[in-house]
Amino acid sequence: MVNKTHHDKADATPDAALAIGGGGVMKVEMVKGVEGYSIYFNDVRILGPKPWGGGTIVKRWTLSVEHAERLRDLLDEFIKSTGGTQ
């Protein structure tokens, strides 16, 4: 467990979440707050409740372009299987 408090960026936008960082990777973090777990891409909360008062980063990953392509394909298949549109 990483002993660091995580806060939402006040100026975060979906575009910020999609920005590729240095070295062609995206930062992914799992944050545990009082209401449960959240997932952040480049400091933008994508899933889960906002960790009010901060939260603890319990896991970090770096997402390469290759991993992002695999994730996209998986999400596309999920959307198709649920009758959603792309």
C-alpha atoms as a PDB file:
ATOM      1  CA  MET A   1       0.000   0.000   0.000  1.00  0.00           C
ATOM      2  CA  VAL A   2       1.315   3.433  -0.927  1.00  0.00           C
ATOM      3  CA  ASN A   3       1.060   5.915   1.931  1.00  0.00           C
ATOM      4  CA  LYS A   4       0.114   8.927  -0.127  1.00  0.00           C
ATOM      5  CA  THR A   5      -3.073  10.939  -0.155  1.00  0.00           C
ATOM      6  CA  HIS A   6      -4.726  11.388  -3.547  1.00  0.00           C
ATOM      7  CA  HIS A   7      -6.998  14.283  -4.494  1.00  0.00           C
ATOM      8  CA  ASP A   8      -9.004  14.996  -7.637  1.00  0.00           C
ATOM      9  CA  LYS A   9      -7.513  17.742  -9.782  1.00  0.00           C
ATOM     10  CA  ALA A  10      -9.872  20.704  -9.778  1.00  0.00           C
ATOM     11  CA  ASP A  11      -9.193  21.434 -13.458  1.00  0.00           C
ATOM     12  CA  ALA A  12      -9.197  17.842 -14.697  1.00  0.00           C
ATOM     13  CA  THR A  13     -11.003  17.093 -17.943  1.00  0.00           C
ATOM     14  CA  PRO A  14     -11.570  13.869 -19.880  1.00  0.00           C
ATOM     15  CA  ASP A  15      -8.909  15.098 -22.318  1.00  0.00           C
ATOM     16  CA  ALA A  16      -6.420  15.243 -19.434  1.00  0.00           C
ATOM     17  CA  ALA A  17      -7.135  11.600 -18.649  1.00  0.00           C
ATOM     18  CA  LEU A  18      -6.275  10.642 -22.222  1.00  0.00           C
ATOM     19  CA  ALA A  19      -3.005  12.553 -22.352  1.00  0.00           C
ATOM     20  CA  ILE A  20      -0.040  10.251 -22.812  1.00  0.00           C
ATOM     21  CA  GLY A  21       2.747  11.016 -20.376  1.00  0.00           C
ATOM     22  CA  GLY A  22       6.485  10.935 -20.836  1.00  0.00           C
ATOM     23  CA  GLY A  23       7.764   7.732 -22.388  1.00  0.00           C
ATOM     24  CA  GLY A  24       4.426   7.037 -24.103  1.00  0.00           C
ATOM     25  CA  VAL A  25       2.634   5.775 -20.994  1.00  0.00           C
ATOM     26  CA  MET A  26      -0.483   6.695 -19.037  1.00  0.00           C
ATOM     27  CA  LYS A  27      -0.534   6.640 -15.230  1.00  0.00           C
ATOM     28  CA  VAL A  28      -3.262   4.425 -13.717  1.00  0.00           C
ATOM     29  CA  GLU A  29      -3.989   4.380  -9.971  1.00  0.00           C
ATOM     30  CA  MET A  30      -6.381   2.539  -7.673  1.00  0.00           C
ATOM     31  CA  VAL A  31      -7.385   4.771  -4.750  1.00  0.00           C
ATOM     32  CA  LYS A  32      -9.148   3.605  -1.587  1.00  0.00           C
ATOM     33  CA  GLY A  33     -11.406   6.147   0.097  1.00  0.00           C
ATOM     34  CA  VAL A  34     -14.027   5.908   2.821  1.00  0.00           C
ATOM     35  CA  GLU A  35     -16.761   5.046   0.265  1.00  0.00           C
ATOM     36  CA  GLY A  36     -14.754   2.451  -1.637  1.00  0.00           C
ATOM     37  CA  TYR A  37     -12.236   2.176  -4.459  1.00  0.00           C
ATOM     38  CA  SER A  38     -11.743   4.514  -7.433  1.00  0.00           C
ATOM     39  CA  ILE A  39      -9.683   4.236 -10.618  1.00  0.00           C
ATOM     40  CA  TYR A  40      -7.780   7.238 -11.984  1.00  0.00           C
ATOM     41  CA  PHE A  41      -6.174   7.732 -15.402  1.00  0.00           C
ATOM     42  CA  ASN A  42      -3.574  10.543 -15.284  1.00  0.00           C
ATOM     43  CA  ASP A  43      -5.111  11.949 -12.068  1.00  0.00           C
ATOM     44  CA  VAL A  44      -8.660  11.998 -13.492  1.00  0.00           C
ATOM     45  CA  ARG A  45     -11.221   9.799 -11.719  1.00  0.00           C
ATOM     46  CA  ILE A  46     -12.748   7.409 -14.262  1.00  0.00           C
ATOM     47  CA  LEU A  47     -14.565   4.891 -12.025  1.00  0.00           C
ATOM     48  CA  GLY A  48     -15.807   4.806  -8.459  1.00  0.00           C
ATOM     49  CA  PRO A  49     -16.733   7.333  -5.812  1.00  0.00           C
ATOM     50  CA  LYS A  50     -14.730  10.467  -5.116  1.00  0.00           C
ATOM     51  CA  PRO A  51     -12.459   9.849  -2.126  1.00  0.00           C
ATOM     52  CA  TRP A  52     -13.787  12.731  -0.021  1.00  0.00           C
ATOM     53  CA  GLY A  53     -11.079  14.121   2.221  1.00  0.00           C
ATOM     54  CA  GLY A  54      -8.464  12.265   0.202  1.00  0.00           C
ATOM     55  CA  GLY A  55      -7.703   8.627  -0.255  1.00  0.00           C
ATOM     56  CA  THR A  56      -4.805   6.230  -0.260  1.00  0.00           C
ATOM     57  CA  ILE A  57      -3.222   5.013  -3.469  1.00  0.00           C
ATOM     58  CA  VAL A  58      -3.182   1.240  -3.054  1.00  0.00           C
ATOM     59  CA  LYS A  59      -1.890   0.302  -6.528  1.00  0.00           C
ATOM     60  CA  ARG A  60      -0.173   2.037  -9.443  1.00  0.00           C
ATOM     61  CA  TRP A  61       0.316   0.928 -13.027  1.00  0.00           C
ATOM     62  CA  THR A  62       1.666   2.432 -16.200  1.00  0.00           C
ATOM     63  CA  LEU A  63      -0.432   1.840 -19.289  1.00  0.00           C
ATOM     64  CA  SER A  64       1.528   1.630 -22.539  1.00  0.00           C
ATOM     65  CA  VAL A  65       0.037   2.258 -25.954  1.00  0.00           C
ATOM     66  CA  GLU A  66      -0.003  -1.513 -26.532  1.00  0.00           C
ATOM     67  CA  HIS A  67      -1.905  -2.086 -23.290  1.00  0.00           C
ATOM     68  CA  ALA A  68      -4.307   0.731 -24.162  1.00  0.00           C
ATOM     69  CA  GLU A  69      -5.055  -0.963 -27.494  1.00  0.00           C
ATOM     70  CA  ARG A  70      -5.797  -4.258 -25.707  1.00  0.00           C
ATOM     71  CA  LEU A  71      -8.035  -2.427 -23.229  1.00  0.00           C
ATOM     72  CA  ARG A  72      -9.858  -0.680 -26.093  1.00  0.00           C
ATOM     73  CA  ASP A  73     -10.505  -4.010 -27.808  1.00  0.00           C
ATOM     74  CA  LEU A  74     -11.812  -5.534 -24.575  1.00  0.00           C
ATOM     75  CA  LEU A  75     -14.109  -2.565 -23.937  1.00  0.00           C
ATOM     76  CA  ASP A  76     -15.350  -2.654 -27.537  1.00  0.00           C
ATOM     77  CA  GLU A  77     -16.288  -6.332 -27.110  1.00  0.00           C
ATOM     78  CA  PHE A  78     -18.013  -5.580 -23.803  1.00  0.00           C
ATOM     79  CA  ILE A  79     -20.021  -2.742 -25.352  1.00  0.00           C
ATOM     80  CA  LYS A  80     -21.045  -4.949 -28.285  1.00  0.00           C
ATOM     81  CA  SER A  81     -22.051  -7.812 -25.964  1.00  0.00           C
ATOM     82  CA  THR A  82     -24.354  -5.529 -23.965  1.00  0.00           C
ATOM     83  CA  GLY A  83     -26.065  -4.087 -27.022  1.00  0.00           C
ATOM     84  CA  GLY A  84     -24.362  -0.702 -26.703  1.00  0.00           C
ATOM     85  CA  THR A  85     -22.972   1.343 -29.554  1.00  0.00           C
ATOM     86  CA  GLN A  86     -19.417   2.313 -30.329  1.00  0.00           C
END
